[in-house]
Amino acid sequence: MGRLKVGRLEKNRKEEETMAPGSIVEFVDREGNEHNALILHVWVGSLNIAYVGTEEDSHGRVIVRETSVPWHENGLGGFYVKKPGN
């Protein structure tokens, strides 16, 4: 699986190259809520992620998957990922 290599500045490139499947990121949903998320797959310019949602079913809280989530510099409004702590 690839690593995210989209950064235009050297600093951003180094940060983004560390984002690989299994890494933890912060996901901002369309309502502006932040969630800790797990990277499942890295595409050029976006990620597939999973996070624990707020809804519950008979097994507990539901795991939510999102695809083609852009890196924070490319996201509009909500719906983007960023490195934890940024």
C-alpha atoms as a PDB file:
ATOM      1  CA  MET A   1       0.000   0.000   0.000  1.00  0.00           C
ATOM      2  CA  GLY A   2       1.266   3.458  -0.865  1.00  0.00           C
ATOM      3  CA  ARG A   3       2.121   6.411   1.268  1.00  0.00           C
ATOM      4  CA  LEU A   4       0.527   9.819   0.889  1.00  0.00           C
ATOM      5  CA  LYS A   5       2.871  12.079  -1.120  1.00  0.00           C
ATOM      6  CA  VAL A   6       0.885  15.184  -1.975  1.00  0.00           C
ATOM      7  CA  GLY A   7       2.606  17.972  -0.011  1.00  0.00           C
ATOM      8  CA  ARG A   8       3.860  21.007  -1.869  1.00  0.00           C
ATOM      9  CA  LEU A   9       6.266  22.153   0.832  1.00  0.00           C
ATOM     10  CA  GLU A  10       9.047  19.950   2.192  1.00  0.00           C
ATOM     11  CA  LYS A  11       7.645  20.139   5.754  1.00  0.00           C
ATOM     12  CA  ASN A  12       4.205  19.006   4.614  1.00  0.00           C
ATOM     13  CA  ARG A  13       5.706  16.250   2.473  1.00  0.00           C
ATOM     14  CA  LYS A  14       7.592  14.801   5.454  1.00  0.00           C
ATOM     15  CA  GLU A  15       4.433  14.842   7.603  1.00  0.00           C
ATOM     16  CA  GLU A  16       2.306  13.272   4.885  1.00  0.00           C
ATOM     17  CA  GLU A  17       4.832  10.544   4.096  1.00  0.00           C
ATOM     18  CA  THR A  18       4.344   9.247   7.659  1.00  0.00           C
ATOM     19  CA  MET A  19       0.637   8.706   6.974  1.00  0.00           C
ATOM     20  CA  ALA A  20       0.403   5.010   6.122  1.00  0.00           C
ATOM     21  CA  PRO A  21      -2.254   2.332   6.671  1.00  0.00           C
ATOM     22  CA  GLY A  22      -2.580   1.723  10.392  1.00  0.00           C
ATOM     23  CA  SER A  23      -1.697   5.319  11.311  1.00  0.00           C
ATOM     24  CA  ILE A  24      -4.061   7.399  13.437  1.00  0.00           C
ATOM     25  CA  VAL A  25      -5.339  10.746  12.109  1.00  0.00           C
ATOM     26  CA  GLU A  26      -8.004  13.242  13.123  1.00  0.00           C
ATOM     27  CA  PHE A  27     -11.063  13.245  10.872  1.00  0.00           C
ATOM     28  CA  VAL A  28     -13.361  16.271  10.676  1.00  0.00           C
ATOM     29  CA  ASP A  29     -16.818  15.281   9.419  1.00  0.00           C
ATOM     30  CA  ARG A  30     -19.214  17.468   7.438  1.00  0.00           C
ATOM     31  CA  GLU A  31     -20.781  18.773  10.663  1.00  0.00           C
ATOM     32  CA  GLY A  32     -17.368  19.861  11.981  1.00  0.00           C
ATOM     33  CA  ASN A  33     -17.110  17.074  14.600  1.00  0.00           C
ATOM     34  CA  GLU A  34     -13.627  15.641  15.153  1.00  0.00           C
ATOM     35  CA  HIS A  35     -12.985  11.896  15.430  1.00  0.00           C
ATOM     36  CA  ASN A  36      -9.842   9.830  15.875  1.00  0.00           C
ATOM     37  CA  ALA A  37      -9.638   7.679  12.755  1.00  0.00           C
ATOM     38  CA  LEU A  38      -7.560   4.788  11.453  1.00  0.00           C
ATOM     39  CA  ILE A  39      -6.093   4.971   7.949  1.00  0.00           C
ATOM     40  CA  LEU A  40      -7.198   1.947   5.922  1.00  0.00           C
ATOM     41  CA  HIS A  41      -5.800   2.874   2.501  1.00  0.00           C
ATOM     42  CA  VAL A  42      -3.767   5.723   1.040  1.00  0.00           C
ATOM     43  CA  TRP A  43      -4.617   7.128  -2.382  1.00  0.00           C
ATOM     44  CA  VAL A  44      -2.839   9.964  -4.157  1.00  0.00           C
ATOM     45  CA  GLY A  45      -4.419  12.980  -2.468  1.00  0.00           C
ATOM     46  CA  SER A  46      -6.920  11.191  -0.225  1.00  0.00           C
ATOM     47  CA  LEU A  47      -7.419   8.447   2.340  1.00  0.00           C
ATOM     48  CA  ASN A  48      -9.888   5.718   3.216  1.00  0.00           C
ATOM     49  CA  ILE A  49     -10.497   5.748   6.976  1.00  0.00           C
ATOM     50  CA  ALA A  50     -12.595   4.148   9.707  1.00  0.00           C
ATOM     51  CA  TYR A  51     -13.727   5.587  13.027  1.00  0.00           C
ATOM     52  CA  VAL A  52     -16.098   4.743  15.879  1.00  0.00           C
ATOM     53  CA  GLY A  53     -19.377   6.555  15.288  1.00  0.00           C
ATOM     54  CA  THR A  54     -21.888   7.855  17.801  1.00  0.00           C
ATOM     55  CA  GLU A  55     -24.763   5.560  16.747  1.00  0.00           C
ATOM     56  CA  GLU A  56     -25.200   2.152  18.354  1.00  0.00           C
ATOM     57  CA  ASP A  57     -26.520  -1.188  17.207  1.00  0.00           C
ATOM     58  CA  SER A  58     -26.921  -4.485  19.094  1.00  0.00           C
ATOM     59  CA  HIS A  59     -23.117  -4.904  19.163  1.00  0.00           C
ATOM     60  CA  GLY A  60     -22.285  -1.435  20.495  1.00  0.00           C
ATOM     61  CA  ARG A  61     -21.118   1.694  18.720  1.00  0.00           C
ATOM     62  CA  VAL A  62     -21.013   1.449  14.935  1.00  0.00           C
ATOM     63  CA  ILE A  63     -17.758   1.551  12.960  1.00  0.00           C
ATOM     64  CA  VAL A  64     -18.031   4.165  10.201  1.00  0.00           C
ATOM     65  CA  ARG A  65     -15.972   3.994   7.002  1.00  0.00           C
ATOM     66  CA  GLU A  66     -15.294   6.994   4.785  1.00  0.00           C
ATOM     67  CA  THR A  67     -13.594   6.908   1.396  1.00  0.00           C
ATOM     68  CA  SER A  68     -11.705   9.517  -0.613  1.00  0.00           C
ATOM     69  CA  VAL A  69     -11.226  11.818   2.368  1.00  0.00           C
ATOM     70  CA  PRO A  70      -8.845  14.654   1.415  1.00  0.00           C
ATOM     71  CA  TRP A  71      -5.862  15.834   3.428  1.00  0.00           C
ATOM     72  CA  HIS A  72      -6.632  18.997   5.452  1.00  0.00           C
ATOM     73  CA  GLU A  73      -5.092  21.392   2.907  1.00  0.00           C
ATOM     74  CA  ASN A  74      -7.389  20.053   0.177  1.00  0.00           C
ATOM     75  CA  GLY A  75     -10.617  19.715   2.212  1.00  0.00           C
ATOM     76  CA  LEU A  76     -13.492  22.122   1.888  1.00  0.00           C
ATOM     77  CA  GLY A  77     -15.384  23.057   5.042  1.00  0.00           C
ATOM     78  CA  GLY A  78     -15.690  19.795   6.942  1.00  0.00           C
ATOM     79  CA  PHE A  79     -14.743  16.350   5.631  1.00  0.00           C
ATOM     80  CA  TYR A  80     -10.974  16.140   5.775  1.00  0.00           C
ATOM     81  CA  VAL A  81      -8.190  14.477   7.775  1.00  0.00           C
ATOM     82  CA  LYS A  82      -5.282  16.057   9.576  1.00  0.00           C
ATOM     83  CA  LYS A  83      -2.343  14.847  11.600  1.00  0.00           C
ATOM     84  CA  PRO A  84      -3.257  14.493  15.312  1.00  0.00           C
ATOM     85  CA  GLY A  85      -2.549  17.644  17.297  1.00  0.00           C
ATOM     86  CA  ASN A  86      -2.667  20.004  14.297  1.00  0.00           C
END
